[in-house]
């Protein structure tokens, strides 16, 4: 829990931690989709966010391994001009903004 969490998000949004993807995969909540956010996926501007989903963002240097992307329900990419990739925090913020205020 962070001191900056003034709305006390932990009361409303579950936070779980898994050491391995396989553990996460075995514990996906009912009717929840895993959305990989990675270069080469469907453009975010054309993507309809599932009501319940887990957004999976990879490491900045290596991304999400192919064997994990294959197990995700869908892969989305940010629409970008002249930039191959964004920092993970920026990417996550853009995806969440799009979920709330996008199409």
N, C-alpha and C. Protein backbone atom coordinates (compact mmCIF):
# COMPACT_ATOMS: atom_id res chain seq x y z
N UNK A 1 0.86 -1.18 0.00
CA UNK A 1 0.00 0.00 0.00
C UNK A 1 0.90 1.24 0.00
N UNK A 2 0.55 2.21 -0.84
CA UNK A 2 1.35 3.42 -0.96
C UNK A 2 0.65 4.59 -0.28
N UNK A 3 1.45 5.51 0.27
CA UNK A 3 0.89 6.70 0.90
C UNK A 3 0.15 7.57 -0.12
N UNK A 4 0.52 7.45 -1.39
CA UNK A 4 -0.12 8.25 -2.44
C UNK A 4 -1.49 7.69 -2.84
N UNK A 5 -1.88 6.57 -2.31
CA UNK A 5 -3.16 5.95 -2.64
C UNK A 5 -4.27 6.56 -1.79
N UNK A 6 -4.53 7.84 -2.01
CA UNK A 6 -5.52 8.55 -1.19
C UNK A 6 -6.95 8.03 -1.35
N UNK A 7 -7.36 7.50 -2.53
CA UNK A 7 -8.73 6.96 -2.60
C UNK A 7 -8.83 5.53 -2.06
N UNK A 8 -7.70 5.01 -1.54
CA UNK A 8 -7.67 3.66 -0.97
C UNK A 8 -8.17 2.62 -1.98
N UNK A 9 -7.48 2.59 -3.11
CA UNK A 9 -7.84 1.72 -4.22
C UNK A 9 -7.92 0.26 -3.80
N UNK A 10 -7.09 -0.15 -2.88
CA UNK A 10 -7.06 -1.54 -2.45
C UNK A 10 -8.43 -2.01 -1.96
N UNK A 11 -9.31 -1.09 -1.57
CA UNK A 11 -10.65 -1.48 -1.13
C UNK A 11 -11.55 -1.88 -2.30
N UNK A 12 -11.21 -1.45 -3.51
CA UNK A 12 -12.09 -1.62 -4.66
C UNK A 12 -11.48 -2.44 -5.79
N UNK A 13 -10.16 -2.48 -5.86
CA UNK A 13 -9.49 -3.19 -6.95
C UNK A 13 -8.58 -4.25 -6.35
N UNK A 14 -8.84 -5.51 -6.69
CA UNK A 14 -8.00 -6.57 -6.12
C UNK A 14 -6.55 -6.48 -6.62
N UNK A 15 -5.64 -6.75 -5.74
CA UNK A 15 -4.23 -6.78 -6.09
C UNK A 15 -3.69 -8.15 -5.69
N UNK A 16 -3.19 -8.85 -6.68
CA UNK A 16 -2.63 -10.17 -6.42
C UNK A 16 -1.22 -10.20 -6.97
N UNK A 17 -0.39 -11.04 -6.42
CA UNK A 17 0.99 -11.14 -6.86
C UNK A 17 1.31 -12.61 -7.12
N UNK A 18 1.89 -12.87 -8.30
CA UNK A 18 2.26 -14.22 -8.67
C UNK A 18 3.71 -14.22 -9.13
N UNK A 19 4.43 -15.22 -8.71
CA UNK A 19 5.84 -15.31 -9.08
C UNK A 19 6.00 -15.75 -10.54
N UNK A 20 5.10 -16.59 -11.01
CA UNK A 20 5.20 -17.13 -12.37
C UNK A 20 3.88 -16.93 -13.12
N UNK A 21 3.99 -16.77 -14.44
CA UNK A 21 2.81 -16.59 -15.27
C UNK A 21 1.85 -17.76 -15.10
N UNK A 22 2.37 -18.96 -15.01
CA UNK A 22 1.53 -20.15 -14.86
C UNK A 22 0.62 -20.03 -13.63
N UNK A 23 1.14 -19.48 -12.55
CA UNK A 23 0.33 -19.28 -11.33
C UNK A 23 -0.80 -18.29 -11.59
N UNK A 24 -0.47 -17.21 -12.28
CA UNK A 24 -1.50 -16.23 -12.66
C UNK A 24 -2.55 -16.90 -13.54
N UNK A 25 -2.10 -17.63 -14.54
CA UNK A 25 -3.01 -18.27 -15.49
C UNK A 25 -3.98 -19.23 -14.80
N UNK A 26 -3.50 -19.96 -13.82
CA UNK A 26 -4.34 -20.91 -13.09
C UNK A 26 -5.37 -20.21 -12.21
N UNK A 27 -5.15 -18.94 -11.92
CA UNK A 27 -6.02 -18.21 -10.99
C UNK A 27 -6.77 -17.04 -11.63
N UNK A 28 -6.97 -17.10 -12.94
CA UNK A 28 -7.71 -16.03 -13.61
C UNK A 28 -9.14 -16.02 -13.06
N UNK A 29 -9.63 -14.86 -12.65
CA UNK A 29 -11.03 -14.79 -12.18
C UNK A 29 -12.01 -15.16 -13.29
N UNK A 30 -13.18 -15.57 -12.91
CA UNK A 30 -14.22 -15.97 -13.85
C UNK A 30 -14.48 -14.87 -14.88
N UNK A 31 -14.59 -15.25 -16.14
CA UNK A 31 -14.92 -14.36 -17.25
C UNK A 31 -13.93 -13.20 -17.40
N UNK A 32 -12.70 -13.43 -17.06
CA UNK A 32 -11.66 -12.40 -17.15
C UNK A 32 -10.72 -12.75 -18.29
N UNK A 33 -10.32 -11.75 -19.06
CA UNK A 33 -9.43 -11.93 -20.20
C UNK A 33 -8.06 -11.37 -19.89
N UNK A 34 -7.02 -12.01 -20.41
CA UNK A 34 -5.66 -11.48 -20.28
C UNK A 34 -5.35 -10.72 -21.56
N UNK A 35 -5.02 -9.45 -21.40
CA UNK A 35 -4.71 -8.57 -22.51
C UNK A 35 -3.22 -8.24 -22.45
N UNK A 36 -2.47 -8.75 -23.42
CA UNK A 36 -1.04 -8.43 -23.51
C UNK A 36 -0.92 -7.07 -24.18
N UNK A 37 -0.12 -6.20 -23.60
CA UNK A 37 0.15 -4.90 -24.20
C UNK A 37 1.57 -4.97 -24.73
N UNK A 38 1.66 -5.13 -26.05
CA UNK A 38 2.96 -5.41 -26.66
C UNK A 38 2.95 -4.96 -28.12
N UNK A 39 4.10 -4.57 -28.63
CA UNK A 39 4.20 -4.18 -30.03
C UNK A 39 3.76 -5.33 -30.92
N UNK A 40 3.05 -5.00 -32.00
CA UNK A 40 2.60 -6.01 -32.94
C UNK A 40 1.19 -6.49 -32.71
N UNK A 41 0.50 -5.96 -31.69
CA UNK A 41 -0.87 -6.37 -31.42
C UNK A 41 -1.87 -5.49 -32.14
N UNK A 42 -3.14 -5.70 -31.84
CA UNK A 42 -4.22 -4.89 -32.39
C UNK A 42 -4.06 -3.45 -31.87
N UNK A 43 -4.30 -2.47 -32.73
CA UNK A 43 -4.15 -1.07 -32.32
C UNK A 43 -5.13 -0.71 -31.19
N UNK A 44 -4.64 -0.04 -30.18
CA UNK A 44 -5.44 0.33 -29.02
C UNK A 44 -6.66 1.15 -29.43
N UNK A 45 -6.51 2.01 -30.44
CA UNK A 45 -7.62 2.86 -30.87
C UNK A 45 -8.78 2.05 -31.46
N UNK A 46 -8.52 0.80 -31.86
CA UNK A 46 -9.54 -0.07 -32.45
C UNK A 46 -10.00 -1.15 -31.48
N UNK A 47 -9.49 -1.12 -30.28
CA UNK A 47 -9.72 -2.20 -29.31
C UNK A 47 -10.88 -1.87 -28.38
N UNK A 48 -11.77 -2.84 -28.20
CA UNK A 48 -12.84 -2.70 -27.22
C UNK A 48 -12.42 -3.46 -25.97
N UNK A 49 -12.24 -2.75 -24.88
CA UNK A 49 -11.77 -3.36 -23.64
C UNK A 49 -12.83 -4.31 -23.07
N UNK A 50 -12.41 -5.50 -22.67
CA UNK A 50 -13.35 -6.41 -22.00
C UNK A 50 -13.78 -5.81 -20.66
N UNK A 51 -14.96 -6.16 -20.22
CA UNK A 51 -15.44 -5.66 -18.94
C UNK A 51 -14.50 -6.08 -17.80
N UNK A 52 -14.04 -7.31 -17.84
CA UNK A 52 -13.13 -7.84 -16.82
C UNK A 52 -11.87 -8.31 -17.52
N UNK A 53 -10.73 -7.73 -17.15
CA UNK A 53 -9.49 -8.18 -17.79
C UNK A 53 -8.27 -7.88 -16.93
N UNK A 54 -7.22 -8.55 -17.28
CA UNK A 54 -5.91 -8.36 -16.68
C UNK A 54 -5.03 -7.80 -17.79
N UNK A 55 -4.43 -6.65 -17.58
CA UNK A 55 -3.50 -6.09 -18.56
C UNK A 55 -2.11 -6.55 -18.18
N UNK A 56 -1.43 -7.14 -19.13
CA UNK A 56 -0.10 -7.68 -18.90
C UNK A 56 0.90 -6.86 -19.70
N UNK A 57 1.80 -6.18 -18.99
CA UNK A 57 2.83 -5.37 -19.63
C UNK A 57 4.18 -6.01 -19.37
N UNK A 58 5.01 -6.05 -20.39
CA UNK A 58 6.30 -6.71 -20.26
C UNK A 58 7.40 -5.77 -19.82
N UNK A 59 8.58 -6.32 -19.68
CA UNK A 59 9.76 -5.56 -19.32
C UNK A 59 10.11 -4.60 -20.45
N UNK A 60 10.65 -3.45 -20.11
CA UNK A 60 10.98 -2.44 -21.12
C UNK A 60 12.04 -2.92 -22.10
N UNK A 61 12.98 -3.71 -21.63
CA UNK A 61 14.07 -4.12 -22.52
C UNK A 61 13.73 -5.32 -23.40
N UNK A 62 12.88 -6.22 -22.93
CA UNK A 62 12.63 -7.45 -23.68
C UNK A 62 11.16 -7.71 -24.00
N UNK A 63 10.26 -6.94 -23.44
CA UNK A 63 8.84 -7.15 -23.70
C UNK A 63 8.30 -8.42 -23.04
N UNK A 64 7.19 -8.88 -23.56
CA UNK A 64 6.56 -10.10 -23.06
C UNK A 64 7.04 -11.27 -23.91
N UNK A 65 7.51 -12.34 -23.29
CA UNK A 65 7.97 -13.49 -24.08
C UNK A 65 6.86 -14.05 -24.97
N UNK A 66 7.23 -14.53 -26.15
CA UNK A 66 6.26 -15.06 -27.12
C UNK A 66 5.40 -16.17 -26.54
N UNK A 67 5.99 -17.05 -25.73
CA UNK A 67 5.21 -18.16 -25.18
C UNK A 67 4.12 -17.68 -24.22
N UNK A 68 4.28 -16.50 -23.65
CA UNK A 68 3.24 -15.93 -22.79
C UNK A 68 2.21 -15.19 -23.63
N UNK A 69 2.65 -14.43 -24.63
CA UNK A 69 1.71 -13.74 -25.51
C UNK A 69 0.74 -14.73 -26.15
N UNK A 70 1.24 -15.90 -26.53
CA UNK A 70 0.41 -16.93 -27.15
C UNK A 70 -0.72 -17.39 -26.22
N UNK A 71 -0.53 -17.28 -24.94
CA UNK A 71 -1.53 -17.75 -23.98
C UNK A 71 -2.50 -16.64 -23.57
N UNK A 72 -2.23 -15.41 -23.99
CA UNK A 72 -3.13 -14.30 -23.70
C UNK A 72 -4.31 -14.35 -24.66
N UNK A 73 -5.42 -13.79 -24.24
CA UNK A 73 -6.62 -13.80 -25.07
C UNK A 73 -6.50 -12.84 -26.25
N UNK A 74 -5.78 -11.75 -26.06
CA UNK A 74 -5.60 -10.75 -27.12
C UNK A 74 -4.34 -9.95 -26.82
N UNK A 75 -3.77 -9.38 -27.86
CA UNK A 75 -2.60 -8.52 -27.71
C UNK A 75 -2.92 -7.17 -28.34
N UNK A 76 -2.63 -6.08 -27.64
CA UNK A 76 -2.88 -4.74 -28.16
C UNK A 76 -1.58 -3.94 -28.15
N UNK A 77 -1.53 -2.97 -29.07
CA UNK A 77 -0.36 -2.09 -29.19
C UNK A 77 -0.83 -0.65 -29.16
N UNK A 78 0.03 0.22 -28.69
CA UNK A 78 -0.27 1.64 -28.70
C UNK A 78 -0.09 2.19 -30.11
N UNK A 79 -0.98 3.09 -30.48
CA UNK A 79 -0.82 3.79 -31.75
C UNK A 79 0.32 4.78 -31.52
N UNK A 80 1.34 4.73 -32.33
CA UNK A 80 2.49 5.60 -32.12
C UNK A 80 3.00 6.14 -33.45
N UNK A 81 3.50 7.35 -33.40
CA UNK A 81 4.12 7.96 -34.56
C UNK A 81 5.58 8.23 -34.20
N UNK A 82 6.49 7.62 -34.92
CA UNK A 82 7.93 7.82 -34.73
C UNK A 82 8.48 7.26 -33.42
N UNK A 83 7.74 6.46 -32.71
CA UNK A 83 8.25 5.87 -31.46
C UNK A 83 7.96 4.37 -31.51
N UNK A 84 8.98 3.58 -31.31
CA UNK A 84 8.79 2.13 -31.34
C UNK A 84 8.13 1.61 -30.07
N UNK A 85 8.49 2.18 -28.94
CA UNK A 85 7.89 1.71 -27.69
C UNK A 85 7.95 2.82 -26.65
N UNK A 86 7.15 2.65 -25.62
CA UNK A 86 7.09 3.60 -24.52
C UNK A 86 7.61 2.92 -23.25
N UNK A 87 7.91 3.72 -22.27
CA UNK A 87 8.26 3.20 -20.96
C UNK A 87 7.01 2.53 -20.37
N UNK A 88 7.20 1.51 -19.52
CA UNK A 88 6.09 0.70 -19.01
C UNK A 88 5.07 1.55 -18.24
N UNK A 89 5.51 2.48 -17.43
CA UNK A 89 4.57 3.31 -16.67
C UNK A 89 3.72 4.17 -17.60
N UNK A 90 4.33 4.73 -18.62
CA UNK A 90 3.59 5.54 -19.60
C UNK A 90 2.60 4.66 -20.36
N UNK A 91 3.05 3.50 -20.78
CA UNK A 91 2.18 2.57 -21.51
C UNK A 91 0.96 2.19 -20.68
N UNK A 92 1.19 1.82 -19.43
CA UNK A 92 0.08 1.46 -18.55
C UNK A 92 -0.89 2.61 -18.37
N UNK A 93 -0.38 3.81 -18.23
CA UNK A 93 -1.23 4.99 -18.07
C UNK A 93 -2.08 5.25 -19.32
N UNK A 94 -1.47 5.10 -20.48
CA UNK A 94 -2.21 5.31 -21.74
C UNK A 94 -3.31 4.27 -21.89
N UNK A 95 -3.01 3.03 -21.58
CA UNK A 95 -4.02 1.97 -21.69
C UNK A 95 -5.17 2.22 -20.72
N UNK A 96 -4.87 2.59 -19.50
CA UNK A 96 -5.93 2.86 -18.52
C UNK A 96 -6.76 4.08 -18.92
N UNK A 97 -6.11 5.11 -19.44
CA UNK A 97 -6.84 6.29 -19.91
C UNK A 97 -7.78 5.90 -21.04
N UNK A 98 -7.27 5.08 -21.98
CA UNK A 98 -8.10 4.63 -23.09
C UNK A 98 -9.27 3.79 -22.60
N UNK A 99 -9.04 2.98 -21.58
CA UNK A 99 -10.13 2.16 -21.03
C UNK A 99 -11.24 3.03 -20.48
N UNK A 100 -10.88 4.09 -19.79
CA UNK A 100 -11.87 4.95 -19.14
C UNK A 100 -12.50 5.95 -20.12
N UNK A 101 -11.65 6.59 -20.95
CA UNK A 101 -12.14 7.70 -21.78
C UNK A 101 -12.12 7.43 -23.28
N UNK A 102 -11.57 6.28 -23.69
CA UNK A 102 -11.46 5.98 -25.13
C UNK A 102 -12.77 5.54 -25.73
N UNK A 103 -12.64 4.95 -26.90
CA UNK A 103 -13.80 4.52 -27.69
C UNK A 103 -14.77 3.81 -26.83
